[in-house]
Each structure stands twice: as C-alpha cells, then as structure tokens.
Amino acid sequence: MSDDKSKTGADRQRVSTSEDYELRDWAKSLNTTPEKIKEAVSAVGNSAEKVREYIGGRK
C-alpha cells in the first residue's frame, strides 16, 4: 500500500465542468442534465453544496 499523499481522487467538494465525464457523473448523481449543472455552476460557483442547493430549488 502506498503512502503517497500527493495522489488523491477527485475533489467531491467542487463541481468541475471541464470534463464531459464529470458533468455526466454530477448530472446523474443530482438527477438532472449536464446543461443544468453548467447553469448552476455559472450561477453559484463550483461549490458542490451550493450547486446541490441550486439544483434542488429548481426542480
């Protein structure tokens, strides 16, 4: 097992719109579309918590 702390997984506290697969993953987890994820990030920034609140208020 490696103790290399520099290799970490994706930051799930932030929503990245730079990769299609990340948009699809976020859209699937929030039961919405990638376009709505982009809209939310544009409106409230890339904080996952704020994006969840924005998407939740739009349903």
N, C-alpha and C. Protein backbone atom coordinates (compact mmCIF):
# COMPACT_ATOMS: atom_id res chain seq x y z
N MET A 1 0.86 -1.18 0.00
CA MET A 1 0.00 0.00 0.00
C MET A 1 0.90 1.23 0.00
N SER A 2 0.55 2.19 -0.80
CA SER A 2 1.35 3.40 -0.93
C SER A 2 0.94 4.44 0.11
N ASP A 3 1.95 5.18 0.57
CA ASP A 3 1.69 6.28 1.49
C ASP A 3 1.80 7.62 0.79
N ASP A 4 1.77 7.61 -0.52
CA ASP A 4 1.92 8.83 -1.31
C ASP A 4 0.64 9.66 -1.20
N LYS A 5 0.69 10.72 -0.42
CA LYS A 5 -0.49 11.56 -0.19
C LYS A 5 -0.74 12.54 -1.33
N SER A 6 0.19 12.62 -2.30
CA SER A 6 0.00 13.55 -3.41
C SER A 6 -0.98 13.02 -4.44
N LYS A 7 -1.25 11.72 -4.39
CA LYS A 7 -2.19 11.12 -5.35
C LYS A 7 -3.53 10.94 -4.67
N THR A 8 -4.44 11.81 -5.01
CA THR A 8 -5.77 11.77 -4.39
C THR A 8 -6.82 11.66 -5.47
N GLY A 9 -8.02 11.30 -5.09
CA GLY A 9 -9.13 11.22 -6.02
C GLY A 9 -9.70 12.59 -6.33
N ALA A 10 -10.78 12.60 -7.04
CA ALA A 10 -11.44 13.85 -7.41
C ALA A 10 -11.92 14.58 -6.17
N ASP A 11 -11.91 15.88 -6.25
CA ASP A 11 -12.40 16.72 -5.15
C ASP A 11 -13.92 16.78 -5.24
N ARG A 12 -14.61 16.04 -4.40
CA ARG A 12 -16.07 15.98 -4.46
C ARG A 12 -16.71 17.19 -3.78
N GLN A 13 -15.90 18.12 -3.29
CA GLN A 13 -16.42 19.36 -2.73
C GLN A 13 -16.62 20.41 -3.81
N ARG A 14 -16.07 20.15 -4.99
CA ARG A 14 -16.13 21.10 -6.11
C ARG A 14 -16.71 20.40 -7.33
N VAL A 15 -17.49 21.13 -8.10
CA VAL A 15 -18.07 20.61 -9.33
C VAL A 15 -17.23 21.14 -10.49
N SER A 16 -16.64 20.22 -11.24
CA SER A 16 -15.84 20.61 -12.39
C SER A 16 -16.67 20.47 -13.66
N THR A 17 -16.64 21.50 -14.48
CA THR A 17 -17.36 21.44 -15.75
C THR A 17 -16.40 21.29 -16.92
N SER A 18 -15.12 21.05 -16.63
CA SER A 18 -14.12 20.99 -17.69
C SER A 18 -14.06 19.64 -18.40
N GLU A 19 -14.61 18.60 -17.80
CA GLU A 19 -14.58 17.27 -18.40
C GLU A 19 -16.01 16.74 -18.55
N ASP A 20 -16.31 16.22 -19.74
CA ASP A 20 -17.65 15.70 -20.01
C ASP A 20 -18.05 14.60 -19.02
N TYR A 21 -17.11 13.70 -18.72
CA TYR A 21 -17.47 12.59 -17.82
C TYR A 21 -17.82 13.10 -16.42
N GLU A 22 -17.17 14.18 -15.98
CA GLU A 22 -17.50 14.74 -14.67
C GLU A 22 -18.88 15.38 -14.69
N LEU A 23 -19.20 16.07 -15.76
CA LEU A 23 -20.55 16.65 -15.90
C LEU A 23 -21.60 15.56 -15.88
N ARG A 24 -21.36 14.47 -16.61
CA ARG A 24 -22.32 13.36 -16.63
C ARG A 24 -22.48 12.75 -15.25
N ASP A 25 -21.36 12.58 -14.53
CA ASP A 25 -21.43 12.00 -13.18
C ASP A 25 -22.24 12.89 -12.24
N TRP A 26 -21.96 14.18 -12.27
CA TRP A 26 -22.70 15.11 -11.40
C TRP A 26 -24.17 15.14 -11.79
N ALA A 27 -24.45 15.18 -13.09
CA ALA A 27 -25.84 15.21 -13.54
C ALA A 27 -26.59 13.96 -13.09
N LYS A 28 -25.94 12.81 -13.21
CA LYS A 28 -26.58 11.56 -12.79
C LYS A 28 -26.81 11.56 -11.28
N SER A 29 -25.82 12.00 -10.52
CA SER A 29 -25.97 11.96 -9.06
C SER A 29 -27.02 12.95 -8.55
N LEU A 30 -27.26 14.02 -9.31
CA LEU A 30 -28.25 15.02 -8.90
C LEU A 30 -29.56 14.91 -9.69
N ASN A 31 -29.66 13.86 -10.51
CA ASN A 31 -30.87 13.60 -11.28
C ASN A 31 -31.28 14.80 -12.13
N THR A 32 -30.32 15.29 -12.91
CA THR A 32 -30.57 16.43 -13.78
C THR A 32 -29.74 16.27 -15.05
N THR A 33 -29.62 17.32 -15.82
CA THR A 33 -28.86 17.27 -17.07
C THR A 33 -27.51 17.98 -16.91
N PRO A 34 -26.54 17.62 -17.76
CA PRO A 34 -25.25 18.33 -17.74
C PRO A 34 -25.42 19.83 -17.98
N GLU A 35 -26.38 20.21 -18.79
CA GLU A 35 -26.63 21.63 -19.06
C GLU A 35 -27.07 22.35 -17.79
N LYS A 36 -27.91 21.70 -16.99
CA LYS A 36 -28.35 22.31 -15.73
C LYS A 36 -27.19 22.42 -14.73
N ILE A 37 -26.27 21.46 -14.77
CA ILE A 37 -25.08 21.54 -13.91
C ILE A 37 -24.26 22.76 -14.31
N LYS A 38 -24.04 22.95 -15.61
CA LYS A 38 -23.29 24.12 -16.09
C LYS A 38 -23.99 25.41 -15.67
N GLU A 39 -25.31 25.44 -15.80
CA GLU A 39 -26.09 26.62 -15.41
C GLU A 39 -25.91 26.90 -13.92
N ALA A 40 -25.97 25.86 -13.11
CA ALA A 40 -25.82 26.02 -11.67
C ALA A 40 -24.43 26.54 -11.31
N VAL A 41 -23.40 25.99 -11.93
CA VAL A 41 -22.03 26.44 -11.65
C VAL A 41 -21.85 27.90 -12.07
N SER A 42 -22.44 28.27 -13.19
CA SER A 42 -22.38 29.68 -13.63
C SER A 42 -23.08 30.60 -12.64
N ALA A 43 -24.17 30.12 -12.06
CA ALA A 43 -24.98 30.94 -11.16
C ALA A 43 -24.39 31.04 -9.75
N VAL A 44 -23.88 29.92 -9.21
CA VAL A 44 -23.49 29.91 -7.80
C VAL A 44 -22.03 29.54 -7.55
N GLY A 45 -21.29 29.24 -8.60
CA GLY A 45 -19.90 28.83 -8.42
C GLY A 45 -19.79 27.31 -8.38
N ASN A 46 -18.57 26.81 -8.12
CA ASN A 46 -18.35 25.38 -8.22
C ASN A 46 -18.42 24.62 -6.90
N SER A 47 -18.92 25.23 -5.86
CA SER A 47 -19.12 24.53 -4.59
C SER A 47 -20.22 23.48 -4.77
N ALA A 48 -19.89 22.23 -4.46
CA ALA A 48 -20.86 21.15 -4.61
C ALA A 48 -22.12 21.41 -3.78
N GLU A 49 -21.93 21.93 -2.58
CA GLU A 49 -23.07 22.21 -1.70
C GLU A 49 -24.01 23.25 -2.33
N LYS A 50 -23.43 24.32 -2.87
CA LYS A 50 -24.25 25.37 -3.48
C LYS A 50 -24.92 24.89 -4.75
N VAL A 51 -24.21 24.06 -5.53
CA VAL A 51 -24.81 23.50 -6.74
C VAL A 51 -25.99 22.60 -6.37
N ARG A 52 -25.82 21.78 -5.35
CA ARG A 52 -26.93 20.92 -4.89
C ARG A 52 -28.14 21.75 -4.47
N GLU A 53 -27.89 22.82 -3.73
CA GLU A 53 -28.99 23.69 -3.30
C GLU A 53 -29.68 24.33 -4.50
N TYR A 54 -28.90 24.80 -5.45
CA TYR A 54 -29.44 25.44 -6.65
C TYR A 54 -30.29 24.45 -7.44
N ILE A 55 -29.76 23.26 -7.67
CA ILE A 55 -30.49 22.24 -8.43
C ILE A 55 -31.74 21.82 -7.66
N GLY A 56 -31.63 21.65 -6.36
CA GLY A 56 -32.77 21.24 -5.53
C GLY A 56 -33.89 22.26 -5.55
N GLY A 57 -33.56 23.53 -5.63
CA GLY A 57 -34.55 24.59 -5.66
C GLY A 57 -35.20 24.78 -7.01
N ARG A 58 -34.62 24.18 -8.04
CA ARG A 58 -35.10 24.34 -9.41
C ARG A 58 -36.03 23.23 -9.87
N LYS A 59 -36.17 22.18 -9.08
CA LYS A 59 -37.00 21.03 -9.51
C LYS A 59 -38.46 21.37 -9.49
